[in-house]
Protein backbone atom coordinates (compact mmCIF):
# COMPACT_ATOMS: atom_id res chain seq x y z
CA MET A 1 55.15 181.55 -52.24
CA LEU A 2 57.12 180.00 -55.07
CA THR A 3 60.78 179.43 -54.40
CA LEU A 4 63.29 181.74 -56.02
CA LYS A 5 65.16 178.73 -57.40
CA TYR A 6 62.06 177.38 -59.14
CA ILE A 7 61.33 180.71 -60.79
CA GLN A 8 64.95 181.06 -61.92
CA GLU A 9 65.04 177.59 -63.44
CA ASN A 10 61.48 177.46 -64.82
CA ARG A 11 60.61 180.96 -66.02
CA GLU A 12 58.50 179.91 -69.00
CA ASP A 13 56.67 177.21 -67.03
CA VAL A 14 55.71 179.75 -64.36
CA VAL A 15 54.46 182.30 -66.90
CA THR A 16 52.54 179.71 -68.92
CA ARG A 17 50.86 177.99 -65.98
CA LEU A 18 49.79 181.23 -64.34
CA LYS A 19 47.86 182.14 -67.47
CA THR A 20 45.38 179.50 -66.30
CA LYS A 21 44.81 181.71 -63.24
CA ARG A 22 44.29 184.69 -65.55
CA PHE A 23 47.53 186.17 -64.22
CA ASP A 24 50.14 187.75 -66.50
CA ALA A 25 53.42 186.93 -64.77
CA ASP A 26 55.87 188.15 -67.43
CA GLU A 27 56.74 191.46 -65.82
CA ILE A 28 56.95 190.34 -62.19
CA VAL A 29 58.98 187.24 -63.04
CA ASP A 30 61.47 189.34 -65.00
CA LYS A 31 61.74 191.75 -62.06
CA ILE A 32 62.55 188.81 -59.78
CA ILE A 33 65.20 187.40 -62.11
CA ILE A 34 66.82 190.80 -62.75
CA ALA A 35 66.84 191.60 -59.02
CA ASP A 36 68.38 188.23 -58.23
CA ASN A 37 71.09 188.72 -60.86
CA ASP A 38 71.82 192.12 -59.28
CA ARG A 39 71.97 190.43 -55.89
CA LYS A 40 74.50 187.88 -57.13
CA THR A 41 76.66 190.60 -58.71
CA THR A 42 76.58 192.71 -55.55
CA GLN A 43 77.25 189.69 -53.36
CA ALA A 44 80.25 188.72 -55.49
CA GLU A 45 81.65 192.24 -55.29
CA ALA A 46 81.10 192.37 -51.52
CA ASP A 47 82.82 188.98 -51.10
CA LYS A 48 85.74 190.16 -53.22
CA LYS A 49 86.14 193.33 -51.14
CA GLN A 50 85.85 191.31 -47.91
CA ASN A 51 88.60 188.91 -49.01
CA GLU A 52 90.78 191.89 -49.94
CA LEU A 53 90.10 193.45 -46.55
CA ASN A 54 90.95 190.22 -44.72
CA THR A 55 94.22 189.85 -46.60
CA LEU A 56 95.17 193.46 -46.07
CA SER A 57 94.30 193.37 -42.37
CA LYS A 58 96.58 190.36 -41.84
CA SER A 59 99.45 192.12 -43.60
CA ILE A 60 99.37 195.25 -41.41
CA GLY A 61 100.88 193.56 -38.37
CA GLN A 62 103.63 191.97 -40.43
CA LEU A 63 104.48 195.32 -42.04
CA PHE A 64 104.80 196.99 -38.65
CA LYS A 65 107.00 194.13 -37.39
CA SER A 66 109.18 194.50 -40.46
CA GLY A 67 109.58 198.20 -39.77
CA LYS A 68 107.63 199.20 -42.84
CA THR A 69 105.61 201.79 -40.99
CA ASP A 70 104.61 203.87 -44.01
CA GLU A 71 103.34 200.84 -45.89
CA ALA A 72 101.50 199.66 -42.79
CA ASN A 73 99.77 203.03 -42.35
CA GLU A 74 98.90 203.11 -46.04
CA ALA A 75 97.38 199.63 -45.72
CA ARG A 76 95.44 200.75 -42.65
CA GLU A 77 93.93 203.65 -44.61
CA LYS A 78 92.98 201.22 -47.37
CA THR A 79 91.17 199.01 -44.89
CA GLY A 80 89.06 202.01 -43.83
CA ALA A 81 88.08 202.65 -47.44
CA LEU A 82 87.32 198.96 -48.01
CA LYS A 83 85.12 198.79 -44.92
CA GLU A 84 83.10 201.74 -46.22
CA GLU A 85 82.77 200.12 -49.66
CA ILE A 86 81.63 196.86 -48.05
CA ARG A 87 79.12 198.73 -45.89
CA VAL A 88 77.63 200.37 -48.99
CA LEU A 89 77.53 197.04 -50.87
CA ASN A 90 75.85 195.29 -47.92
CA GLY A 91 73.26 198.07 -47.82
CA GLN A 92 72.59 197.58 -51.53
CA LEU A 93 72.40 193.83 -50.94
CA GLY A 94 69.81 194.26 -48.21
CA GLU A 95 67.67 196.50 -50.41
CA THR A 96 67.87 194.05 -53.32
CA GLU A 97 66.95 191.08 -51.12
CA SER A 98 64.01 193.09 -49.77
CA ASP A 99 62.90 193.83 -53.34
CA ILE A 100 63.11 190.14 -54.25
CA GLN A 101 60.87 189.19 -51.32
CA LYS A 102 58.45 191.99 -52.21
CA PHE A 103 58.24 190.66 -55.78
CA LEU A 104 57.99 186.99 -54.77
CA VAL A 105 54.86 187.51 -52.66
CA GLN A 106 53.13 189.04 -55.69
CA VAL A 107 53.33 185.77 -57.63
CA PRO A 108 50.35 183.41 -57.12
CA ASN A 109 50.72 179.70 -56.59
CA LEU A 110 50.93 177.62 -59.75
CA PRO A 111 47.71 175.76 -60.62
CA HIS A 112 47.75 171.98 -60.77
CA SER A 113 47.65 170.46 -64.27
CA SER A 114 44.06 169.30 -63.66
CA VAL A 115 42.74 172.85 -63.08
CA PRO A 116 40.37 173.66 -65.97
CA GLU A 117 40.52 176.87 -67.96
CA GLY A 118 37.89 179.45 -67.10
CA LYS A 119 37.24 183.06 -66.22
CA GLY A 120 35.17 182.65 -63.07
CA GLU A 121 32.64 180.64 -61.06
CA ASP A 122 30.43 180.00 -64.08
CA ASP A 123 33.25 177.94 -65.60
CA ASN A 124 33.79 175.61 -62.63
CA LEU A 125 33.28 171.90 -63.40
CA VAL A 126 30.79 169.72 -61.52
CA GLU A 127 32.77 166.65 -60.41
CA ARG A 128 29.90 164.71 -58.89
CA GLU A 129 26.66 165.25 -57.00
CA GLY A 130 24.29 163.39 -54.74
CA GLY A 131 21.22 163.58 -52.59
CA GLU A 132 17.69 164.41 -53.63
CA ILE A 133 16.55 167.97 -54.13
CA PRO A 134 13.33 168.38 -52.10
CA LYS A 135 10.21 169.44 -53.96
CA LEU A 136 8.56 171.90 -51.63
CA GLU A 137 5.71 174.23 -52.48
CA ASP A 138 5.70 177.72 -51.01
CA ALA A 139 8.92 177.00 -49.15
CA LEU A 140 9.95 179.80 -46.79
CA PRO A 141 13.54 181.11 -46.94
CA HIS A 142 15.62 180.49 -43.85
CA TRP A 143 15.43 184.10 -42.64
CA GLU A 144 11.63 183.82 -42.45
CA LEU A 145 11.86 180.42 -40.75
CA ALA A 146 14.38 181.87 -38.28
CA SER A 147 11.85 184.55 -37.38
CA LYS A 148 8.88 182.18 -37.32
CA TYR A 149 10.54 179.76 -34.88
CA ASP A 150 12.59 182.43 -33.04
CA LEU A 151 15.90 180.80 -33.98
CA ILE A 152 18.03 183.72 -35.19
CA ASP A 153 17.65 187.44 -34.56
CA PHE A 154 19.33 189.42 -37.31
CA GLU A 155 17.98 192.77 -36.11
CA LEU A 156 19.29 192.23 -32.58
CA GLY A 157 22.71 191.41 -34.01
CA THR A 158 22.63 194.65 -35.98
CA LYS A 159 21.75 196.52 -32.77
CA LEU A 160 24.57 194.90 -30.81
CA THR A 161 27.26 195.07 -33.47
CA GLY A 162 26.10 195.64 -37.03
CA ALA A 163 24.80 193.79 -40.08
CA GLY A 164 26.32 190.35 -40.53
CA PHE A 165 26.55 189.51 -36.80
CA PRO A 166 23.40 187.49 -36.01
CA VAL A 167 22.26 186.38 -32.57
CA TYR A 168 21.29 182.69 -32.34
CA LYS A 169 18.52 181.90 -29.86
CA GLY A 170 16.88 178.84 -28.35
CA TRP A 171 16.81 175.96 -30.82
CA GLY A 172 18.88 178.08 -33.21
CA ALA A 173 21.73 178.29 -30.69
CA ARG A 174 21.29 174.59 -29.92
CA LEU A 175 21.54 173.77 -33.63
CA GLN A 176 24.81 175.69 -33.88
CA ARG A 177 26.25 173.76 -30.95
CA ALA A 178 24.98 170.46 -32.33
CA LEU A 179 26.62 171.03 -35.70
CA ILE A 180 29.94 172.07 -34.16
CA ASN A 181 30.02 168.96 -31.96
CA PHE A 182 28.97 166.72 -34.85
CA PHE A 183 31.61 168.13 -37.19
CA LEU A 184 34.35 167.82 -34.57
CA ASP A 185 33.31 164.26 -33.70
CA GLU A 186 33.40 163.28 -37.38
CA ALA A 187 36.83 164.83 -37.80
CA THR A 188 38.32 163.13 -34.75
CA LYS A 189 36.86 159.79 -35.90
CA ALA A 190 38.73 160.38 -39.17
CA GLY A 191 42.01 160.71 -37.27
CA TYR A 192 42.28 164.48 -36.89
CA ASN A 193 43.74 165.83 -33.65
CA GLU A 194 41.50 168.56 -32.21
CA VAL A 195 43.02 171.89 -31.20
CA LEU A 196 41.38 175.10 -29.99
CA PRO A 197 43.41 178.00 -31.44
CA PRO A 198 43.46 181.74 -30.68
CA LEU A 199 41.04 183.95 -32.60
CA LEU A 200 43.70 186.64 -33.09
CA VAL A 201 46.97 186.19 -34.98
CA ASN A 202 50.04 188.30 -35.64
CA GLU A 203 51.42 189.49 -38.98
CA ASP A 204 53.80 186.56 -39.29
CA SER A 205 50.90 184.12 -39.07
CA GLY A 206 48.87 186.08 -41.62
CA PHE A 207 51.84 186.09 -43.98
CA GLY A 208 52.58 182.39 -43.42
CA THR A 209 49.28 181.16 -44.84
CA GLY A 210 48.96 183.87 -47.49
CA GLN A 211 46.32 186.17 -46.03
CA LEU A 212 48.90 188.94 -45.84
CA PRO A 213 49.69 190.99 -47.77
CA ASP A 214 47.06 189.73 -50.28
CA LYS A 215 43.82 189.91 -48.25
CA GLU A 216 44.41 192.49 -45.53
CA GLY A 217 41.36 194.43 -46.73
CA GLN A 218 39.14 191.46 -45.89
CA MET A 219 40.48 191.01 -42.35
CA TYR A 220 39.56 192.83 -39.17
CA HIS A 221 42.69 194.55 -37.87
CA VAL A 222 43.24 195.40 -34.20
CA THR A 223 45.49 198.33 -34.98
CA GLU A 224 46.78 199.18 -31.50
CA ASP A 225 48.17 195.67 -31.03
CA ASN A 226 48.75 194.96 -34.73
CA LEU A 227 46.79 191.72 -34.53
CA TYR A 228 44.21 190.30 -36.93
CA LEU A 229 40.94 188.48 -36.23
CA ILE A 230 41.17 185.15 -38.02
CA PRO A 231 39.15 184.63 -41.21
CA THR A 232 39.45 180.86 -40.70
CA ALA A 233 41.09 178.44 -38.25
CA GLU A 234 43.38 177.48 -41.13
CA VAL A 235 45.57 180.45 -40.21
CA PRO A 236 46.49 179.66 -36.58
CA VAL A 237 46.38 175.87 -37.03
CA THR A 238 48.73 175.81 -40.03
CA ASN A 239 51.02 178.31 -38.31
CA ILE A 240 51.49 175.86 -35.46
CA PHE A 241 54.11 174.39 -37.80
CA ARG A 242 55.80 177.65 -38.78
CA ASP A 243 59.61 177.28 -38.55
CA VAL A 244 59.22 173.58 -37.74
CA VAL A 245 61.14 170.65 -39.21
CA LEU A 246 59.12 167.43 -38.97
CA ASP A 247 60.36 163.86 -39.31
CA GLU A 248 59.19 162.12 -42.47
CA LYS A 249 57.78 159.27 -40.37
CA ASP A 250 55.38 161.72 -38.66
CA LEU A 251 53.66 162.71 -41.91
CA PRO A 252 50.85 163.31 -42.51
CA VAL A 253 49.98 165.51 -39.54
CA LYS A 254 46.20 165.89 -39.20
CA GLN A 255 44.63 168.70 -37.17
CA CYS A 256 41.06 169.95 -36.80
CA ALA A 257 39.71 173.00 -35.03
CA TYR A 258 36.48 174.79 -34.31
CA SER A 259 36.60 178.58 -34.35
CA ALA A 260 34.57 181.65 -34.92
CA CYS A 261 35.65 183.29 -38.20
CA PHE A 262 35.67 186.99 -39.02
CA ARG A 263 35.55 188.48 -42.51
CA ARG A 264 34.87 192.04 -43.52
CA GLU A 265 33.37 190.90 -46.85
CA ALA A 266 33.88 194.39 -48.25
CA GLY A 267 31.79 195.11 -51.31
CA SER A 268 29.25 192.32 -50.68
CA TRP A 269 25.60 193.21 -51.07
CA GLY A 270 22.39 192.12 -52.83
CA ALA A 271 19.72 189.45 -52.43
CA HIS A 272 22.24 186.60 -52.45
CA VAL A 273 23.85 187.81 -49.23
CA ARG A 274 20.61 188.00 -47.25
CA GLY A 275 20.20 186.16 -43.95
CA LEU A 276 22.94 183.59 -43.35
CA ASN A 277 24.21 183.66 -46.91
CA ARG A 278 27.07 186.01 -46.08
CA LEU A 279 28.16 187.03 -42.59
CA HIS A 280 30.96 188.95 -40.97
CA GLN A 281 31.15 186.45 -38.09
CA PHE A 282 30.37 182.76 -38.41
CA ASP A 283 31.37 179.38 -36.98
CA LYS A 284 33.35 176.74 -38.80
CA VAL A 285 35.23 173.50 -38.23
CA GLU A 286 38.45 173.32 -40.23
CA ILE A 287 40.60 170.32 -41.14
CA VAL A 288 44.32 170.83 -41.88
CA GLN A 289 46.99 168.40 -43.01
CA VAL A 290 50.75 168.65 -43.43
CA ALA A 291 51.68 166.04 -46.01
CA HIS A 292 54.54 164.48 -47.92
CA PRO A 293 54.75 165.91 -51.46
CA ASP A 294 54.60 162.40 -52.93
CA ASN A 295 51.07 161.70 -51.72
CA SER A 296 49.44 165.06 -51.03
CA TYR A 297 46.93 164.63 -53.86
CA GLU A 298 45.83 161.27 -52.49
CA ILE A 299 45.33 163.05 -49.17
CA LEU A 300 43.35 165.78 -50.94
CA GLU A 301 41.00 163.09 -52.27
CA GLN A 302 40.64 161.68 -48.75
CA MET A 303 39.77 165.12 -47.39
CA VAL A 304 37.19 165.65 -50.12
CA ALA A 305 35.70 162.23 -49.32
CA HIS A 306 35.52 163.16 -45.62
CA VAL A 307 33.61 166.38 -46.32
CA GLN A 308 31.30 164.51 -48.70
CA SER A 309 30.49 161.94 -46.00
CA VAL A 310 29.63 164.67 -43.48
CA VAL A 311 27.31 166.44 -45.93
CA GLU A 312 25.64 163.14 -46.84
CA LYS A 313 24.99 162.37 -43.16
CA LEU A 314 23.16 165.69 -42.92
CA GLU A 315 20.82 164.42 -45.71
CA LEU A 316 21.45 167.48 -47.87
CA PRO A 317 21.59 167.55 -51.69
CA TRP A 318 25.20 168.29 -52.62
CA ARG A 319 27.60 168.74 -55.47
CA ILE A 320 31.37 169.08 -55.75
CA LEU A 321 32.98 171.60 -58.09
CA ARG A 322 36.52 171.57 -59.43
CA LEU A 323 37.44 175.26 -59.51
CA CYS A 324 38.65 176.69 -62.79
CA GLY A 325 41.77 178.83 -63.01
CA GLY A 326 39.88 182.11 -62.91
CA ASP A 327 38.11 181.17 -59.67
CA LEU A 328 41.10 179.59 -57.94
CA SER A 329 42.52 181.47 -54.96
CA PHE A 330 45.90 183.21 -55.00
CA THR A 331 47.48 180.53 -52.79
CA SER A 332 45.80 177.31 -53.98
CA ALA A 333 47.11 174.79 -56.50
CA LEU A 334 43.82 172.86 -56.67
CA THR A 335 40.49 173.45 -54.92
CA PHE A 336 37.21 171.56 -54.71
CA ASP A 337 34.15 173.48 -53.54
CA PHE A 338 31.14 171.82 -51.93
CA GLU A 339 27.67 173.24 -52.43
CA VAL A 340 24.32 172.26 -50.92
CA TYR A 341 20.94 173.03 -52.44
CA SER A 342 18.65 175.62 -50.91
CA ALA A 343 15.02 174.57 -51.42
CA ALA A 344 13.51 178.01 -50.83
CA GLN A 345 16.14 180.11 -52.58
CA LYS A 346 16.33 177.49 -55.35
CA ARG A 347 20.07 177.78 -55.74
CA TRP A 348 23.30 176.15 -54.69
CA LEU A 349 25.13 177.49 -51.61
CA GLU A 350 28.86 177.04 -51.08
CA VAL A 351 29.63 175.41 -47.72
CA SER A 352 33.22 174.19 -48.07
CA SER A 353 36.47 174.57 -49.97
CA VAL A 354 39.10 171.83 -49.82
CA SER A 355 42.51 172.81 -51.20
CA ASN A 356 46.06 171.64 -51.76
CA PHE A 357 48.61 174.45 -51.53
CA GLU A 358 51.58 172.21 -52.30
CA THR A 359 54.74 174.02 -51.04
CA TYR A 360 53.33 177.55 -51.44
CA GLN A 361 52.38 178.08 -47.78
CA ALA A 362 55.20 175.85 -46.52
CA ASN A 363 57.80 178.06 -48.19
CA ARG A 364 56.38 181.13 -46.40
CA LEU A 365 56.12 179.20 -43.15
CA LYS A 366 59.55 177.54 -43.46
CA LEU A 367 57.65 174.30 -42.78
CA ARG A 368 59.86 171.38 -43.70
CA PHE A 369 60.40 167.69 -43.10
CA ARG A 370 63.55 165.59 -43.04
CA LYS A 371 63.92 162.15 -44.57
CA ALA A 372 65.59 159.52 -42.44
CA GLY A 373 69.35 159.60 -42.90
CA GLU A 374 69.36 162.93 -44.72
CA LYS A 375 70.64 166.21 -43.31
CA LYS A 376 68.90 168.69 -45.59
CA PRO A 377 65.14 169.09 -44.99
CA GLN A 378 62.64 169.77 -47.78
CA LEU A 379 59.38 171.69 -47.96
CA ALA A 380 56.20 169.87 -46.98
CA HIS A 381 52.78 170.24 -48.62
CA THR A 382 49.88 171.86 -46.75
CA LEU A 383 46.18 171.21 -47.29
CA ASN A 384 43.00 172.37 -45.60
CA GLY A 385 39.26 172.30 -45.90
CA SER A 386 36.05 173.46 -44.27
CA ALA A 387 34.37 170.53 -42.57
CA LEU A 388 32.13 172.46 -42.40
CA ALA A 389 31.19 176.14 -42.34
CA LEU A 390 27.89 176.51 -40.48
CA PRO A 391 25.83 179.42 -41.86
CA ARG A 392 24.73 178.02 -45.23
CA ILE A 393 24.50 174.51 -43.79
CA VAL A 394 22.02 175.90 -41.27
CA ALA A 395 20.19 177.74 -44.06
CA ALA A 396 19.84 174.54 -46.09
CA ILE A 397 18.80 172.44 -43.09
CA LEU A 398 16.06 174.90 -42.17
CA GLU A 399 14.77 175.35 -45.70
CA ASN A 400 14.98 171.73 -46.89
CA ASN A 401 13.45 170.21 -43.75
CA GLN A 402 10.50 172.54 -43.18
CA THR A 403 7.15 170.83 -42.66
CA PRO A 404 3.71 172.07 -41.58
CA GLU A 405 4.48 170.72 -38.09
CA GLY A 406 7.94 172.28 -37.76
CA ILE A 407 11.50 171.78 -38.97
CA ARG A 408 12.72 168.21 -39.07
CA VAL A 409 16.14 167.66 -37.47
CA PRO A 410 18.55 165.45 -39.47
CA LYS A 411 18.90 162.07 -37.75
CA VAL A 412 22.61 162.47 -37.00
CA LEU A 413 21.87 165.68 -35.07
CA VAL A 414 19.01 164.33 -32.97
CA PRO A 415 21.33 163.01 -30.18
CA PHE A 416 22.95 166.46 -29.97
CA MET A 417 19.67 168.37 -30.20
CA GLY A 418 17.51 166.20 -27.98
CA THR A 419 14.55 166.58 -30.36
CA GLU A 420 13.48 165.36 -33.79
CA LEU A 421 11.44 168.47 -34.57
CA ILE A 422 11.95 172.19 -34.07
CA LYS A 423 8.57 173.81 -33.51
């Protein structure tokens, strides 16, 4: 979340920049400033009463020693009244501070100056693209190919759990494993440290990366234990650094993780969510960095270049989109989406988002770093990206590589698959 100090000192900048995200911040920002002014007034009054109490308490003993019993008893009664007044003021202070936090989490992250204006996904800008779109006649969609080659059983998944929980079989399961290993190998070659995080997180973790309270309706909640199934490995991996102060010399910190991901995807339906296009459970490899604010955008470019190289090695047609303000997430300052082309569906499929959150998550996480020789730490920048999410990658591989003989396996996956052709 934005810091209270920044909002206080930059009210107009906050309101103006959030218009790019199609967010009217006037009212909530005023609520924050008014509540903080009330907090300061209450705090000043409480401090004044506390000083008066301290002075009075010290005088009581002296009054008794001086034989001024009546004055001492009168002072003692006053201290009782002051303690009650301070108790009431501290209660008001706690309520006001709670209100400020409640208001702060309602303010989205500020968009970077390079974020284009726009209402939604149709206004995103194509940064660059590559690869050759295959020209296939009578291409089968991946759900038909999955059935034809017995790779994925959507009906069995529905029987076992429900729609959106497919069962991968045979070469389909092997392809999943191959992609996970390939993605992790590419990430570790790029200097990311691999971790294997829990698939359940607590409320503090959900709050730290911005899933709570904004996206609780999209997360699976284990109510009895008050835990949440992760929507992405970003959540547990970034929270590794919650309440941590790093040394400047250790930045950037680079972590990668494979995990299953769980998303309720409430309200999603239609032809564009068929097959692997939208699932409630899917596999993904995530890359996360904790960076110095001075070079986090250089690191963002490096992360985008890493994802691009992985997609290119899979021989898939790709394009990179710079998200407009209306399509930018609540927590992101700048996001690039990767899409690959689906030969049978004849449309682009999103397979990755790479984002810089600047200090927005770090402020929630209390994730800071300390410069050499300085006592006071400062907030770090956090970044993450999908490298990559599997379902639509699998869809594109199956559709774009279908031949009369079978499905051609991309060369980089052959060592993991042990075959050049699925048939």
